[in-house]
C-alpha atoms as a PDB file:
ATOM      1  CA  MET A   1     -21.874  -5.509 -35.235  1.00  0.00           C
ATOM      2  CA  THR A   2     -25.034  -3.455 -36.183  1.00  0.00           C
ATOM      3  CA  GLU A   3     -25.914   0.608 -35.213  1.00  0.00           C
ATOM      4  CA  GLU A   4     -27.642  -0.892 -32.136  1.00  0.00           C
ATOM      5  CA  ASN A   5     -23.976  -2.475 -30.475  1.00  0.00           C
ATOM      6  CA  PRO A   6     -21.292  -0.423 -31.572  1.00  0.00           C
ATOM      7  CA  GLY A   7     -18.211  -2.798 -30.794  1.00  0.00           C
ATOM      8  CA  PRO A   8     -15.597  -1.915 -27.707  1.00  0.00           C
ATOM      9  CA  SER A   9     -13.534  -0.017 -29.977  1.00  0.00           C
ATOM     10  CA  SER A  10     -16.225   2.086 -30.959  1.00  0.00           C
ATOM     11  CA  SER A  11     -17.487   3.260 -27.767  1.00  0.00           C
ATOM     12  CA  ALA A  12     -14.225   3.511 -26.475  1.00  0.00           C
ATOM     13  CA  ALA A  13     -14.192   6.249 -29.136  1.00  0.00           C
ATOM     14  CA  ARG A  14     -16.871   8.343 -27.803  1.00  0.00           C
ATOM     15  CA  LEU A  15     -14.396   8.941 -24.568  1.00  0.00           C
ATOM     16  CA  ASN A  16     -11.818  11.542 -24.280  1.00  0.00           C
ATOM     17  CA  GLU A  17      -8.553  11.082 -22.797  1.00  0.00           C
ATOM     18  CA  TYR A  18      -9.810  12.771 -19.471  1.00  0.00           C
ATOM     19  CA  GLN A  19     -12.730  10.183 -19.277  1.00  0.00           C
ATOM     20  CA  VAL A  20     -10.105   7.211 -19.954  1.00  0.00           C
ATOM     21  CA  ARG A  21      -8.038   8.820 -16.919  1.00  0.00           C
ATOM     22  CA  ARG A  22     -11.092   8.732 -14.876  1.00  0.00           C
ATOM     23  CA  VAL A  23     -12.147   4.985 -15.742  1.00  0.00           C
ATOM     24  CA  ARG A  24      -8.602   3.940 -15.578  1.00  0.00           C
ATOM     25  CA  VAL A  25      -8.006   5.645 -11.767  1.00  0.00           C
ATOM     26  CA  THR A  26     -11.377   4.572 -10.695  1.00  0.00           C
ATOM     27  CA  CYS A  27     -10.465   1.056 -11.086  1.00  0.00           C
ATOM     28  CA  GLN A  28      -7.120   1.531  -9.634  1.00  0.00           C
ATOM     29  CA  TYR A  29      -8.594   3.254  -6.768  1.00  0.00           C
ATOM     30  CA  ILE A  30     -11.095  -0.087  -6.281  1.00  0.00           C
ATOM     31  CA  ASP A  31      -8.330  -2.667  -7.031  1.00  0.00           C
ATOM     32  CA  ARG A  32      -6.796  -0.998  -3.800  1.00  0.00           C
ATOM     33  CA  LEU A  33      -9.672  -1.159  -1.999  1.00  0.00           C
ATOM     34  CA  LEU A  34     -10.127  -4.751  -2.581  1.00  0.00           C
ATOM     35  CA  GLY A  35      -6.125  -4.916  -1.811  1.00  0.00           C
ATOM     36  CA  ASP A  36      -6.799  -3.954   1.682  1.00  0.00           C
ATOM     37  CA  ILE A  37      -9.548  -6.251   2.191  1.00  0.00           C
ATOM     38  CA  ASP A  38      -7.315  -8.959   1.210  1.00  0.00           C
ATOM     39  CA  GLY A  39      -5.464  -7.681   3.768  1.00  0.00           C
ATOM     40  CA  ILE A  40      -8.036  -7.942   6.600  1.00  0.00           C
ATOM     41  CA  LEU A  41      -8.463 -10.694   5.701  1.00  0.00           C
ATOM     42  CA  ASN A  42      -5.015 -12.276   6.065  1.00  0.00           C
ATOM     43  CA  CYS A  43      -4.885 -10.362   9.524  1.00  0.00           C
ATOM     44  CA  ASP A  44      -3.832 -13.565  11.557  1.00  0.00           C
ATOM     45  CA  ALA A  45      -1.251 -13.926   9.609  1.00  0.00           C
ATOM     46  CA  SER A  46       0.387 -10.184  10.013  1.00  0.00           C
ATOM     47  CA  LYS A  47       3.656 -10.426  12.247  1.00  0.00           C
ATOM     48  CA  ALA A  48       2.251  -7.142  13.404  1.00  0.00           C
ATOM     49  CA  ALA A  49       2.918  -5.859  16.792  1.00  0.00           C
ATOM     50  CA  PHE A  50      -0.386  -3.755  16.927  1.00  0.00           C
ATOM     51  CA  PRO A  51      -3.011  -5.383  14.684  1.00  0.00           C
ATOM     52  CA  ARG A  52      -6.045  -3.136  13.808  1.00  0.00           C
ATOM     53  CA  PHE A  53      -8.482  -6.142  13.140  1.00  0.00           C
ATOM     54  CA  ALA A  54      -9.449  -9.268  15.181  1.00  0.00           C
ATOM     55  CA  SER A  55      -9.755 -11.829  12.848  1.00  0.00           C
ATOM     56  CA  ASP A  56     -13.929 -13.414  12.596  1.00  0.00           C
ATOM     57  CA  ILE A  57     -13.938 -14.276   9.318  1.00  0.00           C
ATOM     58  CA  ALA A  58     -14.414 -18.840   9.179  1.00  0.00           C
ATOM     59  CA  PRO A  59     -12.500 -20.399   6.332  1.00  0.00           C
ATOM     60  CA  ALA A  60     -15.288 -20.640   4.200  1.00  0.00           C
ATOM     61  CA  GLN A  61     -16.519 -17.027   4.187  1.00  0.00           C
ATOM     62  CA  ARG A  62     -12.596 -16.051   3.332  1.00  0.00           C
ATOM     63  CA  SER A  63     -12.693 -18.882   0.455  1.00  0.00           C
ATOM     64  CA  THR A  64     -16.087 -17.097  -0.572  1.00  0.00           C
ATOM     65  CA  ILE A  65     -14.452 -13.179  -0.289  1.00  0.00           C
ATOM     66  CA  GLU A  66     -11.011 -14.415  -1.779  1.00  0.00           C
ATOM     67  CA  GLY A  67     -13.390 -15.044  -4.514  1.00  0.00           C
ATOM     68  CA  TYR A  68     -15.580 -12.455  -5.118  1.00  0.00           C
ATOM     69  CA  ILE A  69     -12.156 -10.102  -4.861  1.00  0.00           C
ATOM     70  CA  ALA A  70     -10.696 -12.154  -7.813  1.00  0.00           C
ATOM     71  CA  GLU A  71     -13.933 -11.792  -9.332  1.00  0.00           C
ATOM     72  CA  ALA A  72     -13.953  -8.242  -8.985  1.00  0.00           C
ATOM     73  CA  ARG A  73     -10.541  -7.763 -10.328  1.00  0.00           C
ATOM     74  CA  ALA A  74     -11.403  -9.323 -13.490  1.00  0.00           C
ATOM     75  CA  GLN A  75     -14.315  -7.314 -14.202  1.00  0.00           C
ATOM     76  CA  LEU A  76     -11.993  -4.095 -13.753  1.00  0.00           C
ATOM     77  CA  VAL A  77      -9.021  -5.679 -16.259  1.00  0.00           C
ATOM     78  CA  ARG A  78     -12.423  -7.020 -18.573  1.00  0.00           C
ATOM     79  CA  ALA A  79     -13.827  -3.169 -17.959  1.00  0.00           C
ATOM     80  CA  LEU A  80     -10.682  -1.252 -18.963  1.00  0.00           C
ATOM     81  CA  GLU A  81      -9.995  -3.473 -22.425  1.00  0.00           C
ATOM     82  CA  GLY A  82     -13.502  -3.552 -22.871  1.00  0.00           C
ATOM     83  CA  GLN A  83     -12.641   0.464 -23.604  1.00  0.00           C
ATOM     84  CA  ASN A  84      -9.177  -0.183 -25.040  1.00  0.00           C
ATOM     85  CA  ILE A  85      -8.034   1.363 -21.976  1.00  0.00           C
ATOM     86  CA  PRO A  86      -4.784   0.395 -21.415  1.00  0.00           C
ATOM     87  CA  ARG A  87      -3.542  -0.239 -17.994  1.00  0.00           C
ATOM     88  CA  GLU A  88      -0.451   1.636 -17.076  1.00  0.00           C
ATOM     89  CA  LYS A  89       2.861   0.021 -17.393  1.00  0.00           C
ATOM     90  CA  HIS A  90       4.691   1.745 -15.006  1.00  0.00           C
ATOM     91  CA  MET A  91       5.337   1.211 -11.406  1.00  0.00           C
ATOM     92  CA  ILE A  92       6.790   2.358  -7.766  1.00  0.00           C
ATOM     93  CA  PRO A  93      10.194   0.335  -7.265  1.00  0.00           C
ATOM     94  CA  ALA A  94       9.445  -2.241  -3.728  1.00  0.00           C
ATOM     95  CA  SER A  95      12.695  -0.905  -2.925  1.00  0.00           C
ATOM     96  CA  ARG A  96      12.112   3.022  -2.867  1.00  0.00           C
ATOM     97  CA  ALA A  97       8.509   2.351  -1.656  1.00  0.00           C
ATOM     98  CA  ILE A  98      10.235   1.222   1.269  1.00  0.00           C
ATOM     99  CA  HIS A  99      12.853   3.246   1.697  1.00  0.00           C
ATOM    100  CA  VAL A 100      10.019   6.288   1.500  1.00  0.00           C
ATOM    101  CA  THR A 101       8.808   4.325   4.253  1.00  0.00           C
ATOM    102  CA  LEU A 102      11.275   3.582   6.232  1.00  0.00           C
ATOM    103  CA  GLY A 103      12.426   7.598   6.008  1.00  0.00           C
ATOM    104  CA  ALA A 104       8.792   7.628   7.933  1.00  0.00           C
ATOM    105  CA  ILE A 105       9.447   5.225  10.620  1.00  0.00           C
ATOM    106  CA  ASP A 106      12.959   6.961  11.490  1.00  0.00           C
ATOM    107  CA  ASN A 107      10.956  10.671  11.481  1.00  0.00           C
ATOM    108  CA  ALA A 108       8.116   8.913  14.067  1.00  0.00           C
ATOM    109  CA  ALA A 109      10.831   7.442  16.165  1.00  0.00           C
ATOM    110  CA  GLU A 110      12.818  10.615  16.109  1.00  0.00           C
ATOM    111  CA  GLU A 111       9.348  12.603  17.656  1.00  0.00           C
ATOM    112  CA  LEU A 112       9.871  10.302  20.852  1.00  0.00           C
ATOM    113  CA  LYS A 113      12.207  11.507  22.198  1.00  0.00           C
ATOM    114  CA  PRO A 114      11.689  13.458  25.479  1.00  0.00           C
ATOM    115  CA  LYS A 115      12.537  17.263  23.747  1.00  0.00           C
ATOM    116  CA  TYR A 116       9.469  16.340  22.075  1.00  0.00           C
ATOM    117  CA  MET A 117       7.686  14.835  24.455  1.00  0.00           C
ATOM    118  CA  ARG A 118       7.854  18.075  26.431  1.00  0.00           C
ATOM    119  CA  GLY A 119       4.767  19.746  25.098  1.00  0.00           C
ATOM    120  CA  TYR A 120       2.790  16.691  26.647  1.00  0.00           C
ATOM    121  CA  GLY A 121       4.012  17.552  30.006  1.00  0.00           C
ATOM    122  CA  ASP A 122       7.478  17.331  31.724  1.00  0.00           C
ATOM    123  CA  VAL A 123       9.363  13.828  31.092  1.00  0.00           C
ATOM    124  CA  PRO A 124      10.626  12.412  34.192  1.00  0.00           C
ATOM    125  CA  ALA A 125      15.033  11.845  33.726  1.00  0.00           C
ATOM    126  CA  SER A 126      13.971   8.042  33.966  1.00  0.00           C
ATOM    127  CA  ALA A 127      11.867   7.975  31.541  1.00  0.00           C
ATOM    128  CA  ALA A 128      13.838  10.271  29.845  1.00  0.00           C
ATOM    129  CA  THR A 129      16.407   8.220  29.348  1.00  0.00           C
ATOM    130  CA  GLU A 130      14.363   4.963  28.449  1.00  0.00           C
ATOM    131  CA  LEU A 131      12.519   6.548  25.462  1.00  0.00           C
ATOM    132  CA  ASN A 132      16.041   7.879  24.301  1.00  0.00           C
ATOM    133  CA  GLY A 133      17.052   4.337  24.082  1.00  0.00           C
ATOM    134  CA  ILE A 134      13.923   3.409  22.378  1.00  0.00           C
ATOM    135  CA  VAL A 135      14.549   5.809  19.712  1.00  0.00           C
ATOM    136  CA  VAL A 136      18.255   5.257  19.378  1.00  0.00           C
ATOM    137  CA  GLU A 137      17.417   1.439  19.004  1.00  0.00           C
ATOM    138  CA  LEU A 138      14.427   1.786  16.102  1.00  0.00           C
ATOM    139  CA  GLN A 139      16.314   4.421  14.230  1.00  0.00           C
ATOM    140  CA  THR A 140      19.513   2.021  14.510  1.00  0.00           C
ATOM    141  CA  LEU A 141      17.526  -1.128  12.996  1.00  0.00           C
ATOM    142  CA  VAL A 142      15.778   1.257  10.721  1.00  0.00           C
ATOM    143  CA  ARG A 143      18.878   2.722   9.104  1.00  0.00           C
ATOM    144  CA  ARG A 144      20.363  -0.570   9.200  1.00  0.00           C
ATOM    145  CA  LEU A 145      17.877  -1.899   6.980  1.00  0.00           C
ATOM    146  CA  ASP A 146      17.754   1.354   4.640  1.00  0.00           C
ATOM    147  CA  GLN A 147      21.223   0.675   4.235  1.00  0.00           C
ATOM    148  CA  TYR A 148      21.036  -3.228   3.532  1.00  0.00           C
ATOM    149  CA  LEU A 149      18.248  -1.677   0.638  1.00  0.00           C
ATOM    150  CA  TRP A 150      20.240   0.436  -0.867  1.00  0.00           C
ATOM    151  CA  GLU A 151      23.477  -1.752  -0.781  1.00  0.00           C
ATOM    152  CA  SER A 152      21.444  -5.239  -2.429  1.00  0.00           C
ATOM    153  CA  ALA A 153      19.402  -2.676  -4.846  1.00  0.00           C
ATOM    154  CA  SER A 154      23.261  -1.249  -6.218  1.00  0.00           C
ATOM    155  CA  THR A 155      24.179  -4.859  -6.820  1.00  0.00           C
ATOM    156  CA  ALA A 156      20.734  -5.413  -8.054  1.00  0.00           C
ATOM    157  CA  GLY A 157      20.576  -1.732 -10.331  1.00  0.00           C
ATOM    158  CA  PRO A 158      18.987   0.940  -9.856  1.00  0.00           C
ATOM    159  CA  MET A 159      16.734   1.941  -7.353  1.00  0.00           C
END
């Protein structure tokens, strides 16, 4: 290698630990944004009760976009490798992320109870009964799923 064109290892030596962290975190952020685009592309496959996006992307466009996403992700990996920056190995277990999300759903459902809705005006008795029923049903489903997840995790290993 010549002085004008140092190899990747010598350019990595010029980055301090904070710069290395910044490069890694920015690449991770870009990858998450690319994941968001993946989710948007797959909005038709989603079974969401309240979809956010209306699909207006033709199959050929979808394929092209997915190709660009794959190319961008490969570039992120090359950038890190070119700077000798290791990708983080630790990952949050999916079961733990689902457990936390189920807790947020349980809390959101709780806030549908009439006692929390009174700040928006009086809740008619019949609507209060219906809201309480909705909350009970949602929380029961969420808690059953959470229990299932914990039981499955205990047989598979620590969560």
